[in-house]
C-alpha cells in the first residue's frame, strides 16, 4: 500500500501546466517506488554487478534537480548534496551510498531541491534562457529534459522495486 498520492496530469492544459504536471507526476512516481520500504531495502542493489539502489536514485535526482534548476537556471554556485561520493565538480552524481546518509535525510534533501526548483521557475517564462555549454538553454528545454531524466530513472526504480518485493506497476 502506498501513502503517496500521484497527481494525474491534466489531459487538456496549457504548455507550462502540461510540462510542470508531467514533471511532478514522475517526481511522485519515484517517491512511490520507495514508499513502504525499510532502510535496508532502499539500500539494496538491483542486480549484481550493478550497485544501483532506490536510495541512490533519490540522491541522484536531488543532484539533478540542484544542477538544472540552481546551477544552470539561476547560475548559483552550490556544492553537491551528497558528500565525497558525489562528483567533486558539482555535477549530477549522487548514486553512491554513505553510511552517514539515511533515506529520510536523502528524501528531505530531494524534496527541498524540488521546492527550490519550483520557486526558481515561478517567475520565469518557458522561453527564458540561461547560459549553458557555450549557448543558451530555455526553461522549456530544462522541463523536458527533467521529465525524460525522471522517466528513465523510474524505469530503473521499477526493476529495483520488483527485485526487492515483487511490487510492479505504479
N, C-alpha and C. Protein backbone atom coordinates (compact mmCIF):
# COMPACT_ATOMS: atom_id res chain seq x y z
N UNK A 1 0.84 -1.18 0.00
CA UNK A 1 0.00 0.00 0.00
C UNK A 1 0.88 1.24 0.00
N UNK A 2 0.48 2.23 -0.73
CA UNK A 2 1.26 3.45 -0.81
C UNK A 2 0.60 4.58 -0.03
N UNK A 3 1.42 5.45 0.52
CA UNK A 3 0.90 6.62 1.23
C UNK A 3 1.12 7.88 0.41
N UNK A 4 1.67 7.71 -0.77
CA UNK A 4 1.96 8.84 -1.65
C UNK A 4 0.91 8.89 -2.75
N UNK A 5 0.27 10.03 -2.90
CA UNK A 5 -0.73 10.21 -3.96
C UNK A 5 -0.06 10.82 -5.17
N UNK A 6 -0.30 10.25 -6.34
CA UNK A 6 0.31 10.76 -7.57
C UNK A 6 -0.72 11.58 -8.34
N UNK A 7 -0.38 12.85 -8.62
CA UNK A 7 -1.32 13.70 -9.36
C UNK A 7 -1.33 13.33 -10.84
N UNK A 8 -2.51 13.13 -11.39
CA UNK A 8 -2.63 12.84 -12.83
C UNK A 8 -2.52 14.14 -13.60
N UNK A 9 -1.60 14.22 -14.57
CA UNK A 9 -1.51 15.43 -15.39
C UNK A 9 -2.81 15.68 -16.14
N UNK A 10 -3.13 16.95 -16.28
CA UNK A 10 -4.34 17.34 -17.00
C UNK A 10 -4.28 16.83 -18.44
N UNK A 11 -5.42 16.43 -18.94
CA UNK A 11 -5.50 15.95 -20.31
C UNK A 11 -5.65 17.09 -21.32
N UNK A 12 -5.90 18.30 -20.82
CA UNK A 12 -6.11 19.41 -21.72
C UNK A 12 -5.68 20.71 -21.01
N UNK A 13 -4.39 20.94 -20.97
CA UNK A 13 -3.86 22.11 -20.27
C UNK A 13 -2.93 22.90 -21.18
N UNK A 14 -2.59 24.11 -20.74
CA UNK A 14 -1.61 24.90 -21.49
C UNK A 14 -0.24 24.24 -21.36
N UNK A 15 0.70 24.70 -22.18
CA UNK A 15 2.01 24.06 -22.25
C UNK A 15 2.73 24.03 -20.91
N UNK A 16 2.78 25.15 -20.21
CA UNK A 16 3.51 25.19 -18.95
C UNK A 16 2.91 24.24 -17.93
N UNK A 17 1.59 24.28 -17.80
CA UNK A 17 0.93 23.37 -16.87
C UNK A 17 1.22 21.93 -17.24
N UNK A 18 1.19 21.63 -18.52
CA UNK A 18 1.48 20.29 -19.01
C UNK A 18 2.90 19.86 -18.61
N UNK A 19 3.88 20.71 -18.89
CA UNK A 19 5.27 20.38 -18.56
C UNK A 19 5.46 20.20 -17.06
N UNK A 20 4.94 21.12 -16.28
CA UNK A 20 5.09 21.04 -14.82
C UNK A 20 4.35 19.83 -14.25
N UNK A 21 3.17 19.54 -14.80
CA UNK A 21 2.38 18.41 -14.30
C UNK A 21 3.06 17.07 -14.57
N UNK A 22 3.62 16.92 -15.76
CA UNK A 22 4.31 15.66 -16.05
C UNK A 22 5.56 15.51 -15.20
N UNK A 23 6.28 16.59 -14.98
CA UNK A 23 7.46 16.52 -14.12
C UNK A 23 7.05 16.12 -12.70
N UNK A 24 5.98 16.73 -12.17
CA UNK A 24 5.51 16.35 -10.84
C UNK A 24 5.01 14.91 -10.80
N UNK A 25 4.38 14.46 -11.86
CA UNK A 25 3.92 13.07 -11.94
C UNK A 25 5.09 12.11 -11.79
N UNK A 26 6.17 12.38 -12.50
CA UNK A 26 7.33 11.49 -12.43
C UNK A 26 8.12 11.64 -11.13
N UNK A 27 8.14 12.83 -10.56
CA UNK A 27 8.75 13.01 -9.24
C UNK A 27 8.01 12.14 -8.24
N UNK A 28 6.70 12.19 -8.27
CA UNK A 28 5.89 11.42 -7.34
C UNK A 28 6.02 9.92 -7.60
N UNK A 29 6.18 9.54 -8.84
CA UNK A 29 6.37 8.12 -9.16
C UNK A 29 7.60 7.57 -8.46
N UNK A 30 8.70 8.32 -8.47
CA UNK A 30 9.91 7.85 -7.78
C UNK A 30 9.65 7.73 -6.28
N UNK A 31 8.96 8.70 -5.70
CA UNK A 31 8.62 8.61 -4.27
C UNK A 31 7.79 7.36 -3.98
N UNK A 32 6.86 7.07 -4.87
CA UNK A 32 6.01 5.89 -4.69
C UNK A 32 6.81 4.60 -4.78
N UNK A 33 7.83 4.57 -5.62
CA UNK A 33 8.68 3.37 -5.74
C UNK A 33 9.43 3.09 -4.43
N UNK A 34 9.66 4.13 -3.65
CA UNK A 34 10.39 3.99 -2.39
C UNK A 34 9.47 3.78 -1.20
N UNK A 35 8.20 4.05 -1.38
CA UNK A 35 7.24 4.04 -0.29
C UNK A 35 7.10 2.65 0.33
N UNK A 36 7.11 2.62 1.66
CA UNK A 36 6.84 1.38 2.39
C UNK A 36 8.03 0.44 2.54
N UNK A 37 9.21 0.87 2.10
CA UNK A 37 10.39 0.00 2.20
C UNK A 37 11.24 0.38 3.42
N UNK A 38 11.98 -0.60 3.90
CA UNK A 38 12.89 -0.35 5.02
C UNK A 38 14.17 0.32 4.51
N UNK A 39 14.93 0.84 5.41
CA UNK A 39 16.22 1.45 5.05
C UNK A 39 17.10 0.42 4.34
N UNK A 40 17.10 -0.80 4.83
CA UNK A 40 17.90 -1.85 4.20
C UNK A 40 17.43 -2.12 2.77
N UNK A 41 16.14 -2.19 2.57
CA UNK A 41 15.61 -2.42 1.22
C UNK A 41 15.95 -1.26 0.28
N UNK A 42 15.87 -0.04 0.79
CA UNK A 42 16.19 1.13 -0.04
C UNK A 42 17.66 1.16 -0.43
N UNK A 43 18.49 0.46 0.31
CA UNK A 43 19.92 0.37 0.02
C UNK A 43 20.28 -0.89 -0.76
N UNK A 44 19.28 -1.70 -1.11
CA UNK A 44 19.52 -2.95 -1.81
C UNK A 44 19.79 -2.69 -3.29
N UNK A 45 20.93 -3.20 -3.75
CA UNK A 45 21.28 -3.04 -5.16
C UNK A 45 20.37 -3.90 -6.03
N UNK A 46 20.16 -3.43 -7.25
CA UNK A 46 19.25 -4.10 -8.17
C UNK A 46 19.68 -5.52 -8.45
N UNK A 47 20.66 -5.68 -9.30
CA UNK A 47 21.17 -7.00 -9.67
C UNK A 47 22.66 -6.86 -9.90
N UNK A 48 23.47 -7.71 -9.22
CA UNK A 48 24.92 -7.61 -9.44
C UNK A 48 25.24 -7.77 -10.92
N UNK A 49 26.19 -7.05 -11.44
CA UNK A 49 27.16 -6.23 -10.72
C UNK A 49 26.73 -4.78 -10.52
N UNK A 50 25.50 -4.42 -10.88
CA UNK A 50 25.06 -3.03 -10.73
C UNK A 50 24.92 -2.66 -9.26
N UNK A 51 25.46 -1.50 -8.87
CA UNK A 51 25.29 -1.03 -7.50
C UNK A 51 24.07 -0.12 -7.33
N UNK A 52 23.23 0.02 -8.35
CA UNK A 52 22.11 0.95 -8.34
C UNK A 52 21.08 0.58 -7.28
N UNK A 53 20.69 1.58 -6.47
CA UNK A 53 19.71 1.40 -5.40
C UNK A 53 18.64 2.49 -5.50
N UNK A 54 17.53 2.26 -4.82
CA UNK A 54 16.50 3.30 -4.76
C UNK A 54 17.00 4.52 -4.01
N UNK A 55 17.73 4.32 -2.92
CA UNK A 55 18.32 5.45 -2.20
C UNK A 55 19.26 6.23 -3.11
N UNK A 56 20.08 5.53 -3.87
CA UNK A 56 20.99 6.18 -4.80
C UNK A 56 20.24 6.98 -5.87
N UNK A 57 19.11 6.46 -6.33
CA UNK A 57 18.31 7.19 -7.32
C UNK A 57 17.74 8.47 -6.73
N UNK A 58 17.27 8.42 -5.48
CA UNK A 58 16.75 9.62 -4.83
C UNK A 58 17.86 10.65 -4.66
N UNK A 59 19.02 10.20 -4.22
CA UNK A 59 20.16 11.12 -4.09
C UNK A 59 20.54 11.72 -5.44
N UNK A 60 20.57 10.88 -6.46
CA UNK A 60 20.92 11.34 -7.80
C UNK A 60 19.92 12.39 -8.29
N UNK A 61 18.64 12.14 -8.09
CA UNK A 61 17.64 13.09 -8.57
C UNK A 61 17.71 14.40 -7.78
N UNK A 62 18.11 14.36 -6.52
CA UNK A 62 18.34 15.60 -5.78
C UNK A 62 19.48 16.38 -6.44
N UNK A 63 20.52 15.66 -6.87
CA UNK A 63 21.64 16.31 -7.56
C UNK A 63 21.22 16.88 -8.91
N UNK A 64 20.40 16.14 -9.63
CA UNK A 64 19.95 16.59 -10.95
C UNK A 64 19.06 17.83 -10.80
N UNK A 65 18.14 17.81 -9.84
CA UNK A 65 17.31 18.98 -9.57
C UNK A 65 18.21 20.19 -9.25
N UNK A 66 19.17 19.97 -8.38
CA UNK A 66 20.09 21.04 -7.96
C UNK A 66 20.88 21.58 -9.15
N UNK A 67 21.35 20.68 -10.00
CA UNK A 67 22.15 21.08 -11.15
C UNK A 67 21.34 21.94 -12.12
N UNK A 68 20.19 21.44 -12.55
CA UNK A 68 19.45 22.14 -13.61
C UNK A 68 18.70 23.37 -13.12
N UNK A 69 18.09 23.29 -11.95
CA UNK A 69 17.27 24.40 -11.50
C UNK A 69 18.02 25.42 -10.64
N UNK A 70 19.21 25.09 -10.23
CA UNK A 70 20.01 26.06 -9.45
C UNK A 70 21.28 26.45 -10.20
N UNK A 71 22.13 25.47 -10.49
CA UNK A 71 23.39 25.82 -11.16
C UNK A 71 23.17 26.38 -12.56
N UNK A 72 22.36 25.70 -13.35
CA UNK A 72 22.16 26.11 -14.75
C UNK A 72 21.16 27.25 -14.83
N UNK A 73 19.95 27.06 -14.32
CA UNK A 73 18.89 28.05 -14.49
C UNK A 73 19.21 29.38 -13.82
N UNK A 74 19.71 29.33 -12.59
CA UNK A 74 19.93 30.58 -11.85
C UNK A 74 21.40 30.97 -11.73
N UNK A 75 22.29 30.08 -12.13
CA UNK A 75 23.72 30.39 -12.03
C UNK A 75 24.28 30.31 -10.63
N UNK A 76 23.56 29.66 -9.72
CA UNK A 76 24.06 29.53 -8.34
C UNK A 76 25.31 28.66 -8.31
N UNK A 77 26.22 29.01 -7.45
CA UNK A 77 27.43 28.22 -7.23
C UNK A 77 27.22 27.40 -5.96
N UNK A 78 26.59 26.24 -6.12
CA UNK A 78 26.27 25.40 -4.98
C UNK A 78 27.00 24.06 -5.10
N UNK A 79 27.49 23.56 -3.97
CA UNK A 79 28.21 22.27 -4.00
C UNK A 79 27.24 21.10 -4.14
N UNK A 80 27.80 19.93 -4.34
CA UNK A 80 27.00 18.71 -4.40
C UNK A 80 26.36 18.46 -3.04
N UNK A 81 25.22 17.80 -3.04
CA UNK A 81 24.50 17.49 -1.80
C UNK A 81 25.07 16.32 -1.02
N UNK A 82 25.61 15.35 -1.73
CA UNK A 82 25.86 14.07 -1.09
C UNK A 82 27.33 13.71 -0.91
N UNK A 83 28.12 14.65 -0.44
CA UNK A 83 29.47 14.40 0.01
C UNK A 83 30.43 13.87 -1.03
N UNK A 84 31.46 13.17 -0.57
CA UNK A 84 32.55 12.78 -1.46
C UNK A 84 32.16 11.79 -2.54
N UNK A 85 31.08 11.04 -2.36
CA UNK A 85 30.69 10.12 -3.43
C UNK A 85 30.04 10.88 -4.59
N UNK A 86 29.63 12.11 -4.35
CA UNK A 86 29.10 12.94 -5.43
C UNK A 86 30.28 13.51 -6.21
N UNK A 87 30.05 13.87 -7.42
CA UNK A 87 31.09 14.44 -8.28
C UNK A 87 31.64 15.71 -7.65
N UNK A 88 32.95 15.75 -7.35
CA UNK A 88 33.52 16.94 -6.71
C UNK A 88 33.33 18.21 -7.53
N UNK A 89 33.15 18.08 -8.82
CA UNK A 89 32.93 19.26 -9.66
C UNK A 89 31.51 19.78 -9.52
N UNK A 90 30.66 19.06 -8.78
CA UNK A 90 29.31 19.52 -8.54
C UNK A 90 28.31 19.14 -9.59
N UNK A 91 28.61 18.11 -10.37
CA UNK A 91 27.65 17.68 -11.38
C UNK A 91 26.63 16.74 -10.75
N UNK A 92 25.80 16.15 -11.54
CA UNK A 92 24.65 15.41 -11.03
C UNK A 92 24.94 13.95 -10.71
N UNK A 93 25.92 13.70 -9.86
CA UNK A 93 26.23 12.34 -9.40
C UNK A 93 25.24 11.92 -8.34
N UNK A 94 25.73 11.51 -7.22
CA UNK A 94 24.87 11.19 -6.10
C UNK A 94 24.43 9.75 -5.98
N UNK A 95 24.85 8.89 -6.91
CA UNK A 95 24.41 7.50 -6.85
C UNK A 95 25.02 6.73 -5.69
N UNK A 96 26.24 7.09 -5.28
CA UNK A 96 26.94 6.36 -4.22
C UNK A 96 26.27 6.51 -2.87
N UNK A 97 26.36 5.47 -2.07
CA UNK A 97 25.75 5.49 -0.74
C UNK A 97 26.80 5.72 0.33
N UNK A 98 26.36 6.34 1.41
CA UNK A 98 27.21 6.60 2.56
C UNK A 98 26.46 6.12 3.79
N UNK A 99 27.19 5.55 4.74
CA UNK A 99 26.55 5.13 5.99
C UNK A 99 26.00 6.31 6.77
N UNK A 100 26.50 7.51 6.48
CA UNK A 100 26.07 8.69 7.24
C UNK A 100 24.80 9.33 6.68
N UNK A 101 24.31 8.84 5.55
CA UNK A 101 23.09 9.40 4.97
C UNK A 101 22.00 8.33 4.93
N UNK A 102 20.92 8.58 5.67
CA UNK A 102 19.79 7.65 5.65
C UNK A 102 18.77 8.13 4.62
N UNK A 103 17.81 7.28 4.32
CA UNK A 103 16.81 7.63 3.32
C UNK A 103 16.04 8.87 3.74
N UNK A 104 15.69 8.98 5.00
CA UNK A 104 14.92 10.15 5.46
C UNK A 104 15.65 11.45 5.14
N UNK A 105 16.95 11.47 5.36
CA UNK A 105 17.76 12.66 5.07
C UNK A 105 17.83 12.90 3.57
N UNK A 106 18.08 11.84 2.80
CA UNK A 106 18.17 11.98 1.35
C UNK A 106 16.85 12.45 0.77
N UNK A 107 15.75 11.91 1.27
CA UNK A 107 14.43 12.31 0.78
C UNK A 107 14.15 13.77 1.12
N UNK A 108 14.52 14.20 2.31
CA UNK A 108 14.31 15.60 2.70
C UNK A 108 15.14 16.53 1.81
N UNK A 109 16.36 16.14 1.50
CA UNK A 109 17.20 16.93 0.60
C UNK A 109 16.58 17.01 -0.78
N UNK A 110 16.11 15.87 -1.28
CA UNK A 110 15.46 15.81 -2.59
C UNK A 110 14.23 16.71 -2.63
N UNK A 111 13.38 16.61 -1.61
CA UNK A 111 12.18 17.43 -1.57
C UNK A 111 12.51 18.91 -1.45
N UNK A 112 13.56 19.25 -0.73
CA UNK A 112 13.99 20.65 -0.62
C UNK A 112 14.46 21.17 -1.97
N UNK A 113 15.16 20.33 -2.73
CA UNK A 113 15.61 20.73 -4.07
C UNK A 113 14.42 20.91 -5.01
N UNK A 114 13.41 20.06 -4.89
CA UNK A 114 12.20 20.21 -5.70
C UNK A 114 11.51 21.53 -5.36
N UNK A 115 11.38 21.83 -4.08
CA UNK A 115 10.75 23.09 -3.66
C UNK A 115 11.54 24.28 -4.19
N UNK A 116 12.85 24.21 -4.12
CA UNK A 116 13.70 25.30 -4.63
C UNK A 116 13.54 25.42 -6.15
N UNK A 117 13.46 24.29 -6.84
CA UNK A 117 13.27 24.30 -8.29
C UNK A 117 11.97 25.01 -8.65
N UNK A 118 10.91 24.67 -7.95
CA UNK A 118 9.62 25.32 -8.22
C UNK A 118 9.71 26.83 -7.99
N UNK A 119 10.35 27.22 -6.89
CA UNK A 119 10.50 28.65 -6.58
C UNK A 119 11.33 29.36 -7.64
N UNK A 120 12.37 28.70 -8.13
CA UNK A 120 13.23 29.32 -9.15
C UNK A 120 12.54 29.45 -10.50
N UNK A 121 11.52 28.65 -10.74
CA UNK A 121 10.83 28.67 -12.04
C UNK A 121 9.62 29.59 -12.07
N UNK A 122 9.04 29.88 -10.94
CA UNK A 122 7.75 30.56 -10.90
C UNK A 122 7.75 31.92 -11.61
N UNK A 123 8.85 32.64 -11.60
CA UNK A 123 8.88 33.96 -12.22
C UNK A 123 9.45 33.94 -13.63
N UNK A 124 9.78 32.77 -14.13
CA UNK A 124 10.39 32.65 -15.46
C UNK A 124 9.41 32.11 -16.48
N UNK A 125 9.55 32.58 -17.70
CA UNK A 125 8.75 32.05 -18.80
C UNK A 125 9.45 30.85 -19.41
N UNK A 126 8.72 30.03 -20.12
CA UNK A 126 9.29 28.85 -20.76
C UNK A 126 10.39 29.21 -21.74
N UNK A 127 10.30 30.38 -22.35
CA UNK A 127 11.28 30.80 -23.34
C UNK A 127 12.50 31.48 -22.71
N UNK A 128 12.46 31.76 -21.40
CA UNK A 128 13.61 32.36 -20.73
C UNK A 128 14.80 31.41 -20.80
N UNK A 129 15.98 31.98 -21.01
CA UNK A 129 17.17 31.15 -21.18
C UNK A 129 18.24 31.48 -20.16
N UNK A 130 19.16 30.56 -20.02
CA UNK A 130 20.34 30.70 -19.18
C UNK A 130 21.54 30.20 -19.97
N UNK A 131 22.72 30.73 -19.68
CA UNK A 131 23.91 30.25 -20.38
C UNK A 131 24.17 28.78 -20.06
N UNK A 132 24.54 28.03 -21.11
CA UNK A 132 24.84 26.62 -20.92
C UNK A 132 25.68 26.11 -22.08
N UNK A 133 26.82 25.55 -21.77
CA UNK A 133 27.70 24.90 -22.74
C UNK A 133 27.97 25.78 -23.97
N UNK A 134 28.25 27.03 -23.74
CA UNK A 134 28.57 27.93 -24.83
C UNK A 134 27.38 28.45 -25.59
N UNK A 135 26.19 28.13 -25.13
CA UNK A 135 24.96 28.60 -25.78
C UNK A 135 23.95 29.01 -24.72
N UNK A 136 22.70 28.85 -25.05
CA UNK A 136 21.61 29.18 -24.15
C UNK A 136 20.67 27.99 -24.05
N UNK A 137 20.14 27.75 -22.87
CA UNK A 137 19.17 26.69 -22.67
C UNK A 137 17.91 27.32 -22.09
N UNK A 138 16.74 26.94 -22.62
CA UNK A 138 15.48 27.51 -22.15
C UNK A 138 14.90 26.69 -20.99
N UNK A 139 14.04 27.35 -20.24
CA UNK A 139 13.33 26.65 -19.18
C UNK A 139 12.49 25.51 -19.78
N UNK A 140 11.92 25.73 -20.94
CA UNK A 140 11.15 24.69 -21.64
C UNK A 140 12.02 23.43 -21.83
N UNK A 141 13.26 23.63 -22.31
CA UNK A 141 14.17 22.52 -22.54
C UNK A 141 14.50 21.82 -21.22
N UNK A 142 14.72 22.60 -20.16
CA UNK A 142 15.04 22.02 -18.85
C UNK A 142 13.88 21.17 -18.35
N UNK A 143 12.66 21.68 -18.45
CA UNK A 143 11.50 20.89 -18.04
C UNK A 143 11.41 19.58 -18.83
N UNK A 144 11.61 19.67 -20.13
CA UNK A 144 11.54 18.47 -20.97
C UNK A 144 12.64 17.49 -20.60
N UNK A 145 13.85 18.00 -20.42
CA UNK A 145 14.97 17.14 -20.04
C UNK A 145 14.71 16.47 -18.69
N UNK A 146 14.22 17.24 -17.73
CA UNK A 146 13.97 16.68 -16.39
C UNK A 146 12.89 15.60 -16.43
N UNK A 147 11.88 15.79 -17.23
CA UNK A 147 10.84 14.77 -17.37
C UNK A 147 11.43 13.48 -17.93
N UNK A 148 12.28 13.62 -18.93
CA UNK A 148 12.94 12.44 -19.51
C UNK A 148 13.88 11.79 -18.50
N UNK A 149 14.60 12.59 -17.73
CA UNK A 149 15.52 12.06 -16.71
C UNK A 149 14.75 11.24 -15.68
N UNK A 150 13.65 11.78 -15.19
CA UNK A 150 12.85 11.04 -14.22
C UNK A 150 12.24 9.78 -14.83
N UNK A 151 11.71 9.89 -16.03
CA UNK A 151 11.08 8.73 -16.67
C UNK A 151 12.09 7.59 -16.82
N UNK A 152 13.31 7.94 -17.24
CA UNK A 152 14.35 6.91 -17.42
C UNK A 152 14.68 6.26 -16.08
N UNK A 153 14.90 7.07 -15.06
CA UNK A 153 15.27 6.51 -13.76
C UNK A 153 14.11 5.82 -13.06
N UNK A 154 12.89 6.23 -13.36
CA UNK A 154 11.75 5.50 -12.81
C UNK A 154 11.67 4.10 -13.39
N UNK A 155 12.13 3.93 -14.63
CA UNK A 155 12.23 2.58 -15.19
C UNK A 155 13.22 1.73 -14.40
N UNK A 156 14.35 2.34 -14.03
CA UNK A 156 15.31 1.63 -13.17
C UNK A 156 14.66 1.29 -11.83
N UNK A 157 13.94 2.27 -11.27
CA UNK A 157 13.29 2.06 -9.97
C UNK A 157 12.27 0.93 -10.04
N UNK A 158 11.57 0.81 -11.17
CA UNK A 158 10.62 -0.30 -11.35
C UNK A 158 11.31 -1.65 -11.17
N UNK A 159 12.44 -1.80 -11.83
CA UNK A 159 13.17 -3.08 -11.75
C UNK A 159 13.72 -3.33 -10.35
N UNK A 160 14.24 -2.29 -9.73
CA UNK A 160 14.80 -2.46 -8.37
C UNK A 160 13.68 -2.85 -7.41
N UNK A 161 12.56 -2.14 -7.46
CA UNK A 161 11.45 -2.43 -6.55
C UNK A 161 10.91 -3.83 -6.78
N UNK A 162 10.77 -4.24 -8.02
CA UNK A 162 10.30 -5.59 -8.32
C UNK A 162 11.25 -6.63 -7.74
N UNK A 163 12.53 -6.37 -7.84
CA UNK A 163 13.54 -7.29 -7.30
C UNK A 163 13.45 -7.38 -5.78
N UNK A 164 13.13 -6.26 -5.14
CA UNK A 164 13.08 -6.22 -3.66
C UNK A 164 11.88 -6.98 -3.12
N UNK A 165 10.68 -6.65 -3.60
CA UNK A 165 9.49 -7.24 -3.01
C UNK A 165 8.41 -7.68 -3.99
N UNK A 166 8.74 -7.67 -5.28
CA UNK A 166 7.80 -8.13 -6.28
C UNK A 166 6.78 -7.10 -6.72
N UNK A 167 6.80 -5.90 -6.10
CA UNK A 167 5.84 -4.85 -6.47
C UNK A 167 6.12 -4.36 -7.89
N UNK A 168 5.09 -4.28 -8.69
CA UNK A 168 5.20 -3.78 -10.05
C UNK A 168 4.14 -2.72 -10.29
N UNK A 169 4.26 -2.06 -11.42
CA UNK A 169 3.27 -1.04 -11.75
C UNK A 169 3.61 0.31 -11.18
N UNK A 170 2.60 1.05 -10.85
CA UNK A 170 2.67 2.41 -10.31
C UNK A 170 3.17 3.36 -11.37
